[in-house]
Structures are given as C-alpha cells and as structure tokens.
Protein backbone atom coordinates (compact mmCIF):
# COMPACT_ATOMS: atom_id res chain seq x y z
CA ALA A 1 -98.75 -41.18 125.06
CA ALA A 2 -98.26 -37.36 123.82
CA VAL A 3 -99.96 -36.40 120.54
CA GLU A 4 -97.35 -36.20 117.67
CA THR A 5 -97.63 -33.77 114.76
CA PHE A 6 -96.87 -34.61 111.24
CA GLU A 7 -96.52 -31.99 108.54
CA ILE A 8 -97.39 -32.20 105.04
CA SER A 9 -97.06 -29.70 102.15
CA THR A 10 -99.52 -30.10 99.40
CA ARG A 11 -98.78 -28.60 95.89
CA SER A 12 -102.32 -28.53 94.20
CA ARG A 13 -105.72 -27.08 94.85
CA CYS A 14 -107.06 -30.82 95.06
CA GLU A 15 -104.71 -33.77 95.50
CA MET A 16 -104.50 -37.02 97.10
CA VAL A 17 -101.02 -37.17 98.81
CA ASP A 18 -99.74 -40.66 99.53
CA ILE A 19 -98.20 -40.48 103.07
CA THR A 20 -97.79 -44.32 103.46
CA ALA A 21 -94.01 -44.36 103.28
CA GLU A 22 -93.65 -41.56 105.82
CA LEU A 23 -95.97 -43.09 108.26
CA ARG A 24 -94.25 -46.54 107.94
CA ALA A 25 -90.96 -44.78 108.62
CA LEU A 26 -92.15 -43.04 111.58
CA VAL A 27 -93.75 -46.34 113.00
CA ARG A 28 -90.57 -48.11 112.37
CA ARG A 29 -88.54 -45.36 114.38
CA LYS A 30 -90.85 -45.43 117.28
CA ALA A 31 -90.64 -49.26 117.16
CA ALA A 32 -86.87 -49.19 117.02
CA ASP A 33 -86.96 -47.06 120.14
CA GLY A 34 -88.90 -49.72 121.88
CA ARG A 35 -92.15 -47.53 122.02
CA TRP A 36 -94.54 -48.48 119.22
CA GLN A 37 -94.73 -52.26 118.86
CA SER A 38 -98.36 -53.59 118.65
CA GLY A 39 -101.45 -51.21 119.02
CA ALA A 40 -103.05 -48.70 116.83
CA LEU A 41 -102.17 -45.34 115.48
CA ALA A 42 -104.94 -42.74 115.53
CA LEU A 43 -104.56 -40.05 112.71
CA PHE A 44 -106.62 -36.93 112.92
CA CYS A 45 -106.81 -33.85 110.34
CA PRO A 46 -107.61 -30.70 112.27
CA HIS A 47 -108.56 -28.82 108.87
CA THR A 48 -112.08 -28.24 107.59
CA THR A 49 -110.70 -28.42 103.83
CA CYS A 50 -108.60 -31.62 104.07
CA GLY A 51 -109.30 -35.11 105.13
CA LEU A 52 -107.90 -38.58 105.18
CA THR A 53 -108.64 -41.89 103.45
CA VAL A 54 -107.13 -45.49 102.85
CA ASN A 55 -107.35 -46.66 99.09
CA GLU A 56 -105.39 -48.41 96.32
CA GLY A 57 -101.80 -47.11 95.86
CA ALA A 58 -100.61 -49.29 93.25
CA ASP A 59 -102.18 -47.68 90.16
CA PRO A 60 -102.15 -43.89 89.73
CA ASP A 61 -105.19 -43.96 87.83
CA VAL A 62 -107.32 -44.83 90.79
CA ARG A 63 -106.18 -41.64 92.56
CA ARG A 64 -106.95 -39.69 89.35
CA ASP A 65 -110.27 -41.23 89.08
CA MET A 66 -111.16 -40.45 92.56
CA LEU A 67 -110.15 -36.89 92.29
CA ALA A 68 -112.23 -36.62 89.07
CA PHE A 69 -115.25 -38.19 90.69
CA PHE A 70 -115.12 -35.93 93.56
CA SER A 71 -114.70 -32.75 91.43
CA ARG A 72 -117.93 -33.90 89.41
CA LEU A 73 -119.90 -34.53 92.74
CA ALA A 74 -118.53 -31.14 94.38
CA PRO A 75 -117.42 -28.76 91.69
CA GLU A 76 -115.25 -25.75 92.54
CA HIS A 77 -117.70 -23.57 91.23
CA GLY A 78 -121.24 -24.37 92.13
CA ASP A 79 -124.47 -22.82 93.87
CA TYR A 80 -122.40 -22.12 97.30
CA ARG A 81 -122.93 -19.17 99.62
CA HIS A 82 -119.78 -19.59 101.56
CA ALA A 83 -117.77 -16.50 100.87
CA GLU A 84 -114.23 -17.98 101.01
CA GLY A 85 -114.77 -19.84 97.70
CA ASN A 86 -113.91 -23.19 99.06
CA SER A 87 -117.37 -24.90 99.65
CA ASP A 88 -116.43 -27.70 97.37
CA ALA A 89 -113.47 -28.57 99.64
CA HIS A 90 -115.70 -28.41 102.69
CA ILE A 91 -117.98 -31.08 101.07
CA LYS A 92 -115.18 -33.29 99.88
CA THR A 93 -113.60 -33.30 103.41
CA THR A 94 -116.92 -34.44 104.99
CA LEU A 95 -117.01 -37.24 102.42
CA HIS A 96 -113.45 -38.27 103.26
CA GLY A 97 -113.64 -37.75 106.91
CA PRO A 98 -111.11 -36.17 109.30
CA SER A 99 -109.51 -39.39 110.94
CA LEU A 100 -108.37 -42.89 110.46
CA LEU A 101 -107.32 -45.71 112.76
CA LEU A 102 -104.45 -47.84 111.62
CA ILE A 103 -103.23 -51.20 113.03
CA VAL A 104 -99.64 -51.52 114.10
CA GLU A 105 -98.27 -55.07 114.74
CA LYS A 106 -94.64 -55.96 115.77
CA GLY A 107 -93.55 -52.31 114.69
CA GLU A 108 -95.05 -52.44 111.37
CA LEU A 109 -97.94 -50.59 109.83
CA ARG A 110 -100.50 -53.19 108.72
CA LEU A 111 -102.40 -52.38 105.52
CA GLY A 112 -103.55 -54.69 102.81
CA THR A 113 -101.42 -55.47 99.82
CA TRP A 114 -102.77 -52.50 97.56
CA GLN A 115 -103.44 -50.07 100.31
CA SER A 116 -102.10 -46.56 100.80
CA VAL A 117 -102.92 -43.88 103.25
CA TYR A 118 -104.00 -40.58 101.60
CA LEU A 119 -104.12 -36.97 102.77
CA CYS A 120 -107.00 -35.56 100.65
CA GLU A 121 -106.43 -31.80 99.94
CA GLY A 122 -109.35 -29.85 98.89
CA ASP A 123 -108.31 -26.35 99.19
CA GLY A 124 -104.47 -26.15 98.45
CA PRO A 125 -101.69 -25.82 98.07
CA ARG A 126 -101.13 -25.63 101.82
CA ARG A 127 -99.06 -26.94 104.79
CA ARG A 128 -101.11 -29.15 106.49
CA ASN A 129 -100.86 -30.90 109.77
CA LEU A 130 -101.79 -34.34 110.95
CA TRP A 131 -102.22 -35.36 114.71
CA LEU A 132 -101.07 -38.85 115.51
CA GLN A 133 -101.88 -40.54 118.90
CA TRP A 134 -100.50 -43.95 119.77
CA LEU A 135 -103.02 -46.42 121.20
CA LYS A 136 -101.17 -49.31 122.99
CA SER A 137 -102.36 -52.74 122.73
CA ASP A 138 -102.90 -54.70 126.11
CA ASP A 139 -101.25 -57.83 124.70
C-alpha cells in the first residue's frame, strides 16, 4: 500500500493537537472504498521537533498538565548549545517518539474510551506532515 501524507497546521510553539477525528474520518473513507477494513495504521512523524502520542482526550486539563510538565522537564531556555534555539523541542520529541501503530477493526479506528491521538508540537507554529501506512490483517 502507498504511503499517505496527512498535513496538520499547528498554532503555538508547544501544543498537543488532537487529530483523532481526522484519523477516524480518513479510516472510514478508506473503509467505505473497500480498502481499510481490519489491520493496523502506522503513523510516522518525519520531523525532529514534533512527535506523536495517545492519551486522554476527554478532559482538556490533561493536555494542559502534560504540556506544563514537559515545559518544566525541558524548558525553552536552558543550558543548550544547539544554535537554532529549539533544543527543548528536540528533547520533547524524543520523549514522545516519532511513531504510533493503531488498530483498525471493521473499518473503525480502535481506541480506548478516553483515548485520543495527538500530534505533539514543540517548535511551532508550523505545517506538519504525518506519513500513514496501511498494514493489512491476514484475517
């Protein structure tokens, strides 16, 4: 299967963008075309200052708390030597990671009741791309 590109525009230097609804809509469109029924969707973020995670999506305070924690852990202005001034974003991206593997069953993205998928921006605002690869089940 071909790699799909999914574009997201971020609005802040550091933010967690909930991309769950867009991913669900994409999976449903592909399933309606008879393509993505059951298998896995691999997501990869090809940026060094932006990552991916799955976490609670029901309470916005969780997102706020996570952003506050990561900002304390890797503050914007620290003892860094990287000339571009975004070392904190590189550190945060390593903590989040560049990829996710999500289960799709019967044309629907499978997540836990409270889970959402987030793009974790560390050096925005920017236009970001995700690469999506469909992995078909043998069932």
